[in-house]
Amino acid sequence: MLDQASFDALRLCDAHLTGIEWKESGRDLCIALASASGTPVTIVCAWAHSLQIDLKTSAHRGGHPLTWEAMLTPKGDGWRLVLDFAGDGSIELLCNGVFVAEAGHGR
């Protein structure tokens, strides 16, 4: 499980959102990103809830939203994850724990 310091070490600023997927019968939320270096990273949010996804695209502009800031902070007995895509919106949720998925695995 990631703590705040190890999450920050992932350096997810300027990462492209490449996918969002529910796993484990809808219990866990997987957020796939391509880091600024191009390395794929999948964040698994265990027992995710209170999910808010607010993403916008402009006319004639597609592609993957780019993170401005990624924050993981303690919240009660769990964690609050915020991915801020600047003018393109955000993803916010609460969960019990955050992991990095191994390549080719959901968790």
PDB file of N, CA and C in Angstrom:
ATOM      1  N   MET A   1       0.849  -1.172   0.000  1.00  0.00           N
ATOM      2  CA  MET A   1       0.000   0.000   0.000  1.00  0.00           C
ATOM      3  C   MET A   1       0.896   1.237   0.000  1.00  0.00           C
ATOM      4  N   LEU A   2       0.474   2.240  -0.763  1.00  0.00           N
ATOM      5  CA  LEU A   2       1.241   3.486  -0.829  1.00  0.00           C
ATOM      6  C   LEU A   2       0.884   4.400   0.337  1.00  0.00           C
ATOM      7  N   ASP A   3       1.878   5.105   0.841  1.00  0.00           N
ATOM      8  CA  ASP A   3       1.617   6.196   1.768  1.00  0.00           C
ATOM      9  C   ASP A   3       1.797   7.491   0.985  1.00  0.00           C
ATOM     10  N   GLN A   4       1.607   8.601   1.641  1.00  0.00           N
ATOM     11  CA  GLN A   4       1.654   9.887   0.947  1.00  0.00           C
ATOM     12  C   GLN A   4       3.017  10.129   0.291  1.00  0.00           C
ATOM     13  N   ALA A   5       4.104   9.815   0.976  1.00  0.00           N
ATOM     14  CA  ALA A   5       5.447  10.059   0.428  1.00  0.00           C
ATOM     15  C   ALA A   5       5.727   9.174  -0.793  1.00  0.00           C
ATOM     16  N   SER A   6       5.359   7.891  -0.717  1.00  0.00           N
ATOM     17  CA  SER A   6       5.614   7.009  -1.860  1.00  0.00           C
ATOM     18  C   SER A   6       4.720   7.364  -3.043  1.00  0.00           C
ATOM     19  N   PHE A   7       3.504   7.860  -2.784  1.00  0.00           N
ATOM     20  CA  PHE A   7       2.640   8.332  -3.867  1.00  0.00           C
ATOM     21  C   PHE A   7       3.269   9.552  -4.533  1.00  0.00           C
ATOM     22  N   ASP A   8       3.739  10.494  -3.726  1.00  0.00           N
ATOM     23  CA  ASP A   8       4.384  11.694  -4.277  1.00  0.00           C
ATOM     24  C   ASP A   8       5.609  11.332  -5.114  1.00  0.00           C
ATOM     25  N   ALA A   9       6.318  10.264  -4.728  1.00  0.00           N
ATOM     26  CA  ALA A   9       7.515   9.840  -5.460  1.00  0.00           C
ATOM     27  C   ALA A   9       7.183   9.328  -6.865  1.00  0.00           C
ATOM     28  N   LEU A  10       5.919   8.982  -7.120  1.00  0.00           N
ATOM     29  CA  LEU A  10       5.523   8.545  -8.463  1.00  0.00           C
ATOM     30  C   LEU A  10       5.572   9.693  -9.470  1.00  0.00           C
ATOM     31  N   ARG A  11       5.553  10.928  -8.981  1.00  0.00           N
ATOM     32  CA  ARG A  11       5.629  12.129  -9.830  1.00  0.00           C
ATOM     33  C   ARG A  11       4.585  12.090 -10.948  1.00  0.00           C
ATOM     34  N   LEU A  12       3.321  12.143 -10.533  1.00  0.00           N
ATOM     35  CA  LEU A  12       2.227  12.029 -11.492  1.00  0.00           C
ATOM     36  C   LEU A  12       1.749  13.365 -12.050  1.00  0.00           C
ATOM     37  N   CYS A  13       2.514  14.430 -11.840  1.00  0.00           N
ATOM     38  CA  CYS A  13       2.216  15.700 -12.515  1.00  0.00           C
ATOM     39  C   CYS A  13       2.593  15.520 -13.985  1.00  0.00           C
ATOM     40  N   ASP A  14       1.775  16.042 -14.871  1.00  0.00           N
ATOM     41  CA  ASP A  14       1.986  15.915 -16.324  1.00  0.00           C
ATOM     42  C   ASP A  14       1.859  14.474 -16.809  1.00  0.00           C
ATOM     43  N   ALA A  15       0.982  13.707 -16.169  1.00  0.00           N
ATOM     44  CA  ALA A  15       0.697  12.335 -16.611  1.00  0.00           C
ATOM     45  C   ALA A  15      -0.601  12.355 -17.415  1.00  0.00           C
ATOM     46  N   HIS A  16      -0.667  11.524 -18.437  1.00  0.00           N
ATOM     47  CA  HIS A  16      -1.870  11.424 -19.272  1.00  0.00           C
ATOM     48  C   HIS A  16      -2.783  10.331 -18.725  1.00  0.00           C
ATOM     49  N   LEU A  17      -4.067  10.645 -18.578  1.00  0.00           N
ATOM     50  CA  LEU A  17      -5.060   9.658 -18.194  1.00  0.00           C
ATOM     51  C   LEU A  17      -5.333   8.764 -19.397  1.00  0.00           C
ATOM     52  N   THR A  18      -5.124   7.453 -19.236  1.00  0.00           N
ATOM     53  CA  THR A  18      -5.333   6.534 -20.355  1.00  0.00           C
ATOM     54  C   THR A  18      -6.470   5.552 -20.111  1.00  0.00           C
ATOM     55  N   GLY A  19      -6.974   5.465 -18.888  1.00  0.00           N
ATOM     56  CA  GLY A  19      -8.085   4.552 -18.650  1.00  0.00           C
ATOM     57  C   GLY A  19      -8.589   4.581 -17.222  1.00  0.00           C
ATOM     58  N   ILE A  20      -9.858   4.206 -17.077  1.00  0.00           N
ATOM     59  CA  ILE A  20     -10.498   4.060 -15.774  1.00  0.00           C
ATOM     60  C   ILE A  20     -11.280   2.755 -15.840  1.00  0.00           C
ATOM     61  N   GLU A  21     -11.082   1.884 -14.845  1.00  0.00           N
ATOM     62  CA  GLU A  21     -11.742   0.581 -14.883  1.00  0.00           C
ATOM     63  C   GLU A  21     -12.068   0.101 -13.468  1.00  0.00           C
ATOM     64  N   TRP A  22     -13.270  -0.431 -13.306  1.00  0.00           N
ATOM     65  CA  TRP A  22     -13.644  -1.069 -12.041  1.00  0.00           C
ATOM     66  C   TRP A  22     -13.133  -2.503 -12.056  1.00  0.00           C
ATOM     67  N   LYS A  23     -12.605  -2.964 -10.931  1.00  0.00           N
ATOM     68  CA  LYS A  23     -12.134  -4.348 -10.759  1.00  0.00           C
ATOM     69  C   LYS A  23     -12.760  -4.928  -9.499  1.00  0.00           C
ATOM     70  N   GLU A  24     -12.548  -6.217  -9.329  1.00  0.00           N
ATOM     71  CA  GLU A  24     -13.037  -6.920  -8.129  1.00  0.00           C
ATOM     72  C   GLU A  24     -14.529  -6.677  -7.909  1.00  0.00           C
ATOM     73  N   SER A  25     -15.317  -6.905  -8.957  1.00  0.00           N
ATOM     74  CA  SER A  25     -16.783  -6.765  -8.911  1.00  0.00           C
ATOM     75  C   SER A  25     -17.215  -5.362  -8.517  1.00  0.00           C
ATOM     76  N   GLY A  26     -16.437  -4.371  -8.919  1.00  0.00           N
ATOM     77  CA  GLY A  26     -16.789  -2.981  -8.653  1.00  0.00           C
ATOM     78  C   GLY A  26     -16.281  -2.439  -7.341  1.00  0.00           C
ATOM     79  N   ARG A  27     -15.485  -3.210  -6.640  1.00  0.00           N
ATOM     80  CA  ARG A  27     -14.961  -2.765  -5.351  1.00  0.00           C
ATOM     81  C   ARG A  27     -13.796  -1.795  -5.503  1.00  0.00           C
ATOM     82  N   ASP A  28     -12.886  -2.101  -6.425  1.00  0.00           N
ATOM     83  CA  ASP A  28     -11.665  -1.309  -6.590  1.00  0.00           C
ATOM     84  C   ASP A  28     -11.718  -0.536  -7.901  1.00  0.00           C
ATOM     85  N   LEU A  29     -11.188   0.671  -7.891  1.00  0.00           N
ATOM     86  CA  LEU A  29     -11.112   1.491  -9.096  1.00  0.00           C
ATOM     87  C   LEU A  29      -9.657   1.568  -9.536  1.00  0.00           C
ATOM     88  N   CYS A  30      -9.401   1.231 -10.801  1.00  0.00           N
ATOM     89  CA  CYS A  30      -8.058   1.303 -11.374  1.00  0.00           C
ATOM     90  C   CYS A  30      -7.984   2.505 -12.296  1.00  0.00           C
ATOM     91  N   ILE A  31      -6.981   3.335 -12.087  1.00  0.00           N
ATOM     92  CA  ILE A  31      -6.785   4.529 -12.900  1.00  0.00           C
ATOM     93  C   ILE A  31      -5.442   4.381 -13.601  1.00  0.00           C
ATOM     94  N   ALA A  32      -5.500   4.267 -14.930  1.00  0.00           N
ATOM     95  CA  ALA A  32      -4.288   4.080 -15.725  1.00  0.00           C
ATOM     96  C   ALA A  32      -3.778   5.429 -16.215  1.00  0.00           C
ATOM     97  N   LEU A  33      -2.491   5.644 -16.027  1.00  0.00           N
ATOM     98  CA  LEU A  33      -1.847   6.891 -16.418  1.00  0.00           C
ATOM     99  C   LEU A  33      -0.559   6.584 -17.170  1.00  0.00           C
ATOM    100  N   ALA A  34      -0.150   7.483 -18.035  1.00  0.00           N
ATOM    101  CA  ALA A  34       1.171   7.434 -18.656  1.00  0.00           C
ATOM    102  C   ALA A  34       1.939   8.613 -18.073  1.00  0.00           C
ATOM    103  N   SER A  35       2.989   8.314 -17.312  1.00  0.00           N
ATOM    104  CA  SER A  35       3.754   9.373 -16.648  1.00  0.00           C
ATOM    105  C   SER A  35       4.421  10.271 -17.684  1.00  0.00           C
ATOM    106  N   ALA A  36       4.973  11.372 -17.224  1.00  0.00           N
ATOM    107  CA  ALA A  36       5.630  12.321 -18.124  1.00  0.00           C
ATOM    108  C   ALA A  36       6.751  11.656 -18.924  1.00  0.00           C
ATOM    109  N   SER A  37       7.369  10.633 -18.345  1.00  0.00           N
ATOM    110  CA  SER A  37       8.435   9.905 -19.051  1.00  0.00           C
ATOM    111  C   SER A  37       7.866   8.873 -20.021  1.00  0.00           C
ATOM    112  N   GLY A  38       6.537   8.685 -19.995  1.00  0.00           N
ATOM    113  CA  GLY A  38       5.892   7.716 -20.871  1.00  0.00           C
ATOM    114  C   GLY A  38       5.668   6.361 -20.224  1.00  0.00           C
ATOM    115  N   THR A  39       6.171   6.185 -19.011  1.00  0.00           N
ATOM    116  CA  THR A  39       6.006   4.923 -18.298  1.00  0.00           C
ATOM    117  C   THR A  39       4.560   4.745 -17.851  1.00  0.00           C
ATOM    118  N   PRO A  40       3.937   3.606 -18.186  1.00  0.00           N
ATOM    119  CA  PRO A  40       2.559   3.383 -17.733  1.00  0.00           C
ATOM    120  C   PRO A  40       2.515   3.071 -16.241  1.00  0.00           C
ATOM    121  N   VAL A  41       1.540   3.653 -15.561  1.00  0.00           N
ATOM    122  CA  VAL A  41       1.330   3.447 -14.131  1.00  0.00           C
ATOM    123  C   VAL A  41      -0.165   3.242 -13.919  1.00  0.00           C
ATOM    124  N   THR A  42      -0.533   2.181 -13.204  1.00  0.00           N
ATOM    125  CA  THR A  42      -1.932   1.969 -12.852  1.00  0.00           C
ATOM    126  C   THR A  42      -2.073   2.066 -11.344  1.00  0.00           C
ATOM    127  N   ILE A  43      -2.872   3.016 -10.920  1.00  0.00           N
ATOM    128  CA  ILE A  43      -3.163   3.226  -9.506  1.00  0.00           C
ATOM    129  C   ILE A  43      -4.430   2.446  -9.188  1.00  0.00           C
ATOM    130  N   VAL A  44      -4.373   1.593  -8.160  1.00  0.00           N
ATOM    131  CA  VAL A  44      -5.536   0.819  -7.732  1.00  0.00           C
ATOM    132  C   VAL A  44      -6.026   1.403  -6.412  1.00  0.00           C
ATOM    133  N   CYS A  45      -7.265   1.833  -6.405  1.00  0.00           N
ATOM    134  CA  CYS A  45      -7.882   2.404  -5.205  1.00  0.00           C
ATOM    135  C   CYS A  45      -8.809   1.344  -4.619  1.00  0.00           C
ATOM    136  N   ALA A  46      -8.383   0.731  -3.517  1.00  0.00           N
ATOM    137  CA  ALA A  46      -9.138  -0.365  -2.907  1.00  0.00           C
ATOM    138  C   ALA A  46     -10.351   0.168  -2.154  1.00  0.00           C
ATOM    139  N   TRP A  47     -11.485  -0.501  -2.363  1.00  0.00           N
ATOM    140  CA  TRP A  47     -12.745  -0.129  -1.732  1.00  0.00           C
ATOM    141  C   TRP A  47     -13.068   1.339  -2.005  1.00  0.00           C
ATOM    142  N   ALA A  48     -13.000   1.719  -3.266  1.00  0.00           N
ATOM    143  CA  ALA A  48     -13.256   3.106  -3.680  1.00  0.00           C
ATOM    144  C   ALA A  48     -14.727   3.468  -3.495  1.00  0.00           C
ATOM    145  N   HIS A  49     -14.958   4.698  -3.074  1.00  0.00           N
ATOM    146  CA  HIS A  49     -16.325   5.215  -2.934  1.00  0.00           C
ATOM    147  C   HIS A  49     -16.294   6.735  -3.038  1.00  0.00           C
ATOM    148  N   SER A  50     -17.461   7.326  -3.054  1.00  0.00           N
ATOM    149  CA  SER A  50     -17.605   8.789  -3.158  1.00  0.00           C
ATOM    150  C   SER A  50     -16.875   9.324  -4.396  1.00  0.00           C
ATOM    151  N   LEU A  51     -16.938   8.561  -5.463  1.00  0.00           N
ATOM    152  CA  LEU A  51     -16.246   8.914  -6.702  1.00  0.00           C
ATOM    153  C   LEU A  51     -16.934  10.077  -7.403  1.00  0.00           C
ATOM    154  N   GLN A  52     -16.131  11.061  -7.805  1.00  0.00           N
ATOM    155  CA  GLN A  52     -16.610  12.185  -8.607  1.00  0.00           C
ATOM    156  C   GLN A  52     -15.672  12.335  -9.794  1.00  0.00           C
ATOM    157  N   ILE A  53     -16.231  12.170 -10.982  1.00  0.00           N
ATOM    158  CA  ILE A  53     -15.454  12.361 -12.200  1.00  0.00           C
ATOM    159  C   ILE A  53     -16.073  13.522 -12.950  1.00  0.00           C
ATOM    160  N   ASP A  54     -15.274  14.554 -13.178  1.00  0.00           N
ATOM    161  CA  ASP A  54     -15.734  15.746 -13.884  1.00  0.00           C
ATOM    162  C   ASP A  54     -14.664  16.109 -14.912  1.00  0.00           C
ATOM    163  N   LEU A  55     -14.794  15.542 -16.106  1.00  0.00           N
ATOM    164  CA  LEU A  55     -13.816  15.801 -17.167  1.00  0.00           C
ATOM    165  C   LEU A  55     -14.518  16.473 -18.334  1.00  0.00           C
ATOM    166  N   LYS A  56     -13.856  17.452 -18.910  1.00  0.00           N
ATOM    167  CA  LYS A  56     -14.412  18.206 -20.027  1.00  0.00           C
ATOM    168  C   LYS A  56     -13.405  18.219 -21.177  1.00  0.00           C
ATOM    169  N   THR A  57     -13.907  18.267 -22.391  1.00  0.00           N
ATOM    170  CA  THR A  57     -13.026  18.434 -23.545  1.00  0.00           C
ATOM    171  C   THR A  57     -13.529  19.609 -24.370  1.00  0.00           C
ATOM    172  N   SER A  58     -12.626  20.271 -25.019  1.00  0.00           N
ATOM    173  CA  SER A  58     -12.968  21.400 -25.881  1.00  0.00           C
ATOM    174  C   SER A  58     -13.208  20.903 -27.297  1.00  0.00           C
ATOM    175  N   ALA A  59     -13.948  21.675 -28.057  1.00  0.00           N
ATOM    176  CA  ALA A  59     -14.180  21.342 -29.456  1.00  0.00           C
ATOM    177  C   ALA A  59     -12.852  21.279 -30.199  1.00  0.00           C
ATOM    178  N   HIS A  60     -12.719  20.307 -31.058  1.00  0.00           N
ATOM    179  CA  HIS A  60     -11.538  20.131 -31.903  1.00  0.00           C
ATOM    180  C   HIS A  60     -10.271  19.844 -31.098  1.00  0.00           C
ATOM    181  N   ARG A  61     -10.439  19.359 -29.873  1.00  0.00           N
ATOM    182  CA  ARG A  61      -9.282  19.007 -29.053  1.00  0.00           C
ATOM    183  C   ARG A  61      -9.580  17.696 -28.341  1.00  0.00           C
ATOM    184  N   GLY A  62      -8.922  16.657 -28.732  1.00  0.00           N
ATOM    185  CA  GLY A  62      -9.143  15.360 -28.112  1.00  0.00           C
ATOM    186  C   GLY A  62      -7.920  14.929 -27.341  1.00  0.00           C
ATOM    187  N   GLY A  63      -7.759  13.649 -27.224  1.00  0.00           N
ATOM    188  CA  GLY A  63      -6.594  13.121 -26.531  1.00  0.00           C
ATOM    189  C   GLY A  63      -6.853  12.870 -25.069  1.00  0.00           C
ATOM    190  N   HIS A  64      -5.825  12.432 -24.392  1.00  0.00           N
ATOM    191  CA  HIS A  64      -5.921  12.093 -22.987  1.00  0.00           C
ATOM    192  C   HIS A  64      -5.757  13.338 -22.121  1.00  0.00           C
ATOM    193  N   PRO A  65      -6.608  13.510 -21.099  1.00  0.00           N
ATOM    194  CA  PRO A  65      -6.415  14.638 -20.175  1.00  0.00           C
ATOM    195  C   PRO A  65      -5.039  14.539 -19.502  1.00  0.00           C
ATOM    196  N   LEU A  66      -4.447  15.671 -19.237  1.00  0.00           N
ATOM    197  CA  LEU A  66      -3.115  15.768 -18.644  1.00  0.00           C
ATOM    198  C   LEU A  66      -3.236  16.275 -17.206  1.00  0.00           C
ATOM    199  N   THR A  67      -2.627  15.542 -16.262  1.00  0.00           N
ATOM    200  CA  THR A  67      -2.708  15.963 -14.861  1.00  0.00           C
ATOM    201  C   THR A  67      -1.907  17.240 -14.617  1.00  0.00           C
ATOM    202  N   TRP A  68      -2.472  18.072 -13.800  1.00  0.00           N
ATOM    203  CA  TRP A  68      -1.788  19.274 -13.320  1.00  0.00           C
ATOM    204  C   TRP A  68      -1.180  18.956 -11.962  1.00  0.00           C
ATOM    205  N   GLU A  69      -1.963  18.184 -11.170  1.00  0.00           N
ATOM    206  CA  GLU A  69      -1.522  17.831  -9.824  1.00  0.00           C
ATOM    207  C   GLU A  69      -2.195  16.524  -9.418  1.00  0.00           C
ATOM    208  N   ALA A  70      -1.484  15.700  -8.670  1.00  0.00           N
ATOM    209  CA  ALA A  70      -2.026  14.457  -8.117  1.00  0.00           C
ATOM    210  C   ALA A  70      -1.776  14.479  -6.614  1.00  0.00           C
ATOM    211  N   MET A  71      -2.847  14.307  -5.835  1.00  0.00           N
ATOM    212  CA  MET A  71      -2.716  14.410  -4.380  1.00  0.00           C
ATOM    213  C   MET A  71      -3.347  13.201  -3.702  1.00  0.00           C
ATOM    214  N   LEU A  72      -2.642  12.648  -2.741  1.00  0.00           N
ATOM    215  CA  LEU A  72      -3.151  11.584  -1.893  1.00  0.00           C
ATOM    216  C   LEU A  72      -2.991  12.057  -0.460  1.00  0.00           C
ATOM    217  N   THR A  73      -4.106  12.166   0.265  1.00  0.00           N
ATOM    218  CA  THR A  73      -4.060  12.664   1.637  1.00  0.00           C
ATOM    219  C   THR A  73      -4.881  11.752   2.546  1.00  0.00           C
ATOM    220  N   PRO A  74      -4.453  11.610   3.807  1.00  0.00           N
ATOM    221  CA  PRO A  74      -5.233  10.812   4.751  1.00  0.00           C
ATOM    222  C   PRO A  74      -6.616  11.427   4.954  1.00  0.00           C
ATOM    223  N   LYS A  75      -7.631  10.567   5.075  1.00  0.00           N
ATOM    224  CA  LYS A  75      -8.999  11.026   5.309  1.00  0.00           C
ATOM    225  C   LYS A  75      -9.677   9.985   6.194  1.00  0.00           C
ATOM    226  N   GLY A  76      -9.888  10.301   7.457  1.00  0.00           N
ATOM    227  CA  GLY A  76     -10.477   9.339   8.384  1.00  0.00           C
ATOM    228  C   GLY A  76      -9.614   8.092   8.472  1.00  0.00           C
ATOM    229  N   ASP A  77     -10.237   6.923   8.245  1.00  0.00           N
ATOM    230  CA  ASP A  77      -9.504   5.656   8.278  1.00  0.00           C
ATOM    231  C   ASP A  77      -8.931   5.277   6.922  1.00  0.00           C
ATOM    232  N   GLY A  78      -9.081   6.144   5.920  1.00  0.00           N
ATOM    233  CA  GLY A  78      -8.636   5.821   4.564  1.00  0.00           C
ATOM    234  C   GLY A  78      -7.875   6.966   3.933  1.00  0.00           C
ATOM    235  N   TRP A  79      -8.122   7.117   2.635  1.00  0.00           N
ATOM    236  CA  TRP A  79      -7.380   8.084   1.836  1.00  0.00           C
ATOM    237  C   TRP A  79      -8.302   8.851   0.899  1.00  0.00           C
ATOM    238  N   ARG A  80      -7.912  10.061   0.564  1.00  0.00           N
ATOM    239  CA  ARG A  80      -8.593  10.875  -0.437  1.00  0.00           C
ATOM    240  C   ARG A  80      -7.610  11.070  -1.593  1.00  0.00           C
ATOM    241  N   LEU A  81      -8.050  10.693  -2.789  1.00  0.00           N
ATOM    242  CA  LEU A  81      -7.233  10.855  -3.988  1.00  0.00           C
ATOM    243  C   LEU A  81      -7.869  11.917  -4.863  1.00  0.00           C
ATOM    244  N   VAL A  82      -7.056  12.872  -5.309  1.00  0.00           N
ATOM    245  CA  VAL A  82      -7.507  13.903  -6.238  1.00  0.00           C
ATOM    246  C   VAL A  82      -6.520  13.963  -7.397  1.00  0.00           C
ATOM    247  N   LEU A  83      -7.044  13.798  -8.603  1.00  0.00           N
ATOM    248  CA  LEU A  83      -6.265  14.033  -9.813  1.00  0.00           C
ATOM    249  C   LEU A  83      -6.856  15.272 -10.460  1.00  0.00           C
ATOM    250  N   ASP A  84      -6.084  16.330 -10.507  1.00  0.00           N
ATOM    251  CA  ASP A  84      -6.530  17.616 -11.052  1.00  0.00           C
ATOM    252  C   ASP A  84      -6.002  17.745 -12.477  1.00  0.00           C
ATOM    253  N   PHE A  85      -6.926  17.887 -13.418  1.00  0.00           N
ATOM    254  CA  PHE A  85      -6.563  18.013 -14.826  1.00  0.00           C
ATOM    255  C   PHE A  85      -6.670  19.465 -15.293  1.00  0.00           C
ATOM    256  N   ALA A  86      -6.383  20.392 -14.374  1.00  0.00           N
ATOM    257  CA  ALA A  86      -6.422  21.843 -14.649  1.00  0.00           C
ATOM    258  C   ALA A  86      -7.761  22.211 -15.258  1.00  0.00           C
ATOM    259  N   GLY A  87      -7.769  22.850 -16.402  1.00  0.00           N
ATOM    260  CA  GLY A  87      -9.011  23.299 -17.029  1.00  0.00           C
ATOM    261  C   GLY A  87      -9.881  22.180 -17.570  1.00  0.00           C
ATOM    262  N   ASP A  88      -9.371  20.938 -17.551  1.00  0.00           N
ATOM    263  CA  ASP A  88     -10.133  19.809 -18.077  1.00  0.00           C
ATOM    264  C   ASP A  88     -10.906  19.049 -17.005  1.00  0.00           C
ATOM    265  N   GLY A  89     -10.820  19.464 -15.739  1.00  0.00           N
ATOM    266  CA  GLY A  89     -11.612  18.845 -14.682  1.00  0.00           C
ATOM    267  C   GLY A  89     -10.785  18.070 -13.678  1.00  0.00           C
ATOM    268  N   SER A  90     -11.442  17.092 -13.029  1.00  0.00           N
ATOM    269  CA  SER A  90     -10.771  16.343 -11.971  1.00  0.00           C
ATOM    270  C   SER A  90     -11.438  14.989 -11.750  1.00  0.00           C
ATOM    271  N   ILE A  91     -10.710  14.123 -11.050  1.00  0.00           N
ATOM    272  CA  ILE A  91     -11.222  12.871 -10.521  1.00  0.00           C
ATOM    273  C   ILE A  91     -10.933  12.913  -9.032  1.00  0.00           C
ATOM    274  N   GLU A  92     -11.966  12.679  -8.221  1.00  0.00           N
ATOM    275  CA  GLU A  92     -11.804  12.670  -6.772  1.00  0.00           C
ATOM    276  C   GLU A  92     -12.511  11.453  -6.211  1.00  0.00           C
ATOM    277  N   LEU A  93     -11.908  10.842  -5.194  1.00  0.00           N
ATOM    278  CA  LEU A  93     -12.538   9.692  -4.557  1.00  0.00           C
ATOM    279  C   LEU A  93     -11.958   9.456  -3.177  1.00  0.00           C
ATOM    280  N   LEU A  94     -12.661   8.644  -2.419  1.00  0.00           N
ATOM    281  CA  LEU A  94     -12.176   8.153  -1.139  1.00  0.00           C
ATOM    282  C   LEU A  94     -11.979   6.654  -1.280  1.00  0.00           C
ATOM    283  N   CYS A  95     -10.995   6.102  -0.543  1.00  0.00           N
ATOM    284  CA  CYS A  95     -10.747   4.663  -0.610  1.00  0.00           C
ATOM    285  C   CYS A  95     -10.042   4.208   0.658  1.00  0.00           C
ATOM    286  N   ASN A  96      -9.945   2.888   0.807  1.00  0.00           N
ATOM    287  CA  ASN A  96      -9.282   2.324   1.983  1.00  0.00           C
ATOM    288  C   ASN A  96      -7.774   2.242   1.826  1.00  0.00           C
ATOM    289  N   GLY A  97      -7.296   2.145   0.590  1.00  0.00           N
ATOM    290  CA  GLY A  97      -5.865   2.051   0.341  1.00  0.00           C
ATOM    291  C   GLY A  97      -5.569   2.243  -1.126  1.00  0.00           C
ATOM    292  N   VAL A  98      -4.326   2.629  -1.427  1.00  0.00           N
ATOM    293  CA  VAL A  98      -3.904   2.869  -2.806  1.00  0.00           C
ATOM    294  C   VAL A  98      -2.662   2.032  -3.080  1.00  0.00           C
ATOM    295  N   PHE A  99      -2.674   1.349  -4.229  1.00  0.00           N
ATOM    296  CA  PHE A  99      -1.578   0.479  -4.638  1.00  0.00           C
ATOM    297  C   PHE A  99      -1.177   0.831  -6.054  1.00  0.00           C
ATOM    298  N   VAL A 100       0.021   0.429  -6.444  1.00  0.00           N
ATOM    299  CA  VAL A 100       0.416   0.488  -7.848  1.00  0.00           C
ATOM    300  C   VAL A 100       0.297  -0.936  -8.372  1.00  0.00           C
ATOM    301  N   ALA A 101      -0.476  -1.119  -9.450  1.00  0.00           N
ATOM    302  CA  ALA A 101      -0.655  -2.456 -10.027  1.00  0.00           C
ATOM    303  C   ALA A 101       0.616  -2.881 -10.745  1.00  0.00           C
ATOM    304  N   GLU A 102       0.901  -4.146 -10.690  1.00  0.00           N
ATOM    305  CA  GLU A 102       2.015  -4.697 -11.446  1.00  0.00           C
ATOM    306  C   GLU A 102       1.620  -4.723 -12.907  1.00  0.00           C
ATOM    307  N   ALA A 103       2.588  -4.615 -13.795  1.00  0.00           N
ATOM    308  CA  ALA A 103       2.315  -4.626 -15.230  1.00  0.00           C
ATOM    309  C   ALA A 103       1.532  -5.874 -15.600  1.00  0.00           C
ATOM    310  N   GLY A 104       0.419  -5.662 -16.316  1.00  0.00           N
ATOM    311  CA  GLY A 104      -0.401  -6.772 -16.771  1.00  0.00           C
ATOM    312  C   GLY A 104      -1.369  -7.316 -15.739  1.00  0.00           C
ATOM    313  N   HIS A 105      -1.420  -6.697 -14.562  1.00  0.00           N
ATOM    314  CA  HIS A 105      -2.319  -7.158 -13.501  1.00  0.00           C
ATOM    315  C   HIS A 105      -3.191  -6.013 -13.037  1.00  0.00           C
ATOM    316  N   GLY A 106      -4.394  -6.332 -12.569  1.00  0.00           N
ATOM    317  CA  GLY A 106      -5.301  -5.322 -12.023  1.00  0.00           C
ATOM    318  C   GLY A 106      -4.905  -4.903 -10.629  1.00  0.00           C
ATOM    319  N   ARG A 107      -4.120  -5.768  -9.939  1.00  0.00           N
ATOM    320  CA  ARG A 107      -3.684  -5.423  -8.593  1.00  0.00           C
ATOM    321  C   ARG A 107      -2.634  -6.363  -8.108  1.00  0.00           C
TER     322      ARG A 107
END
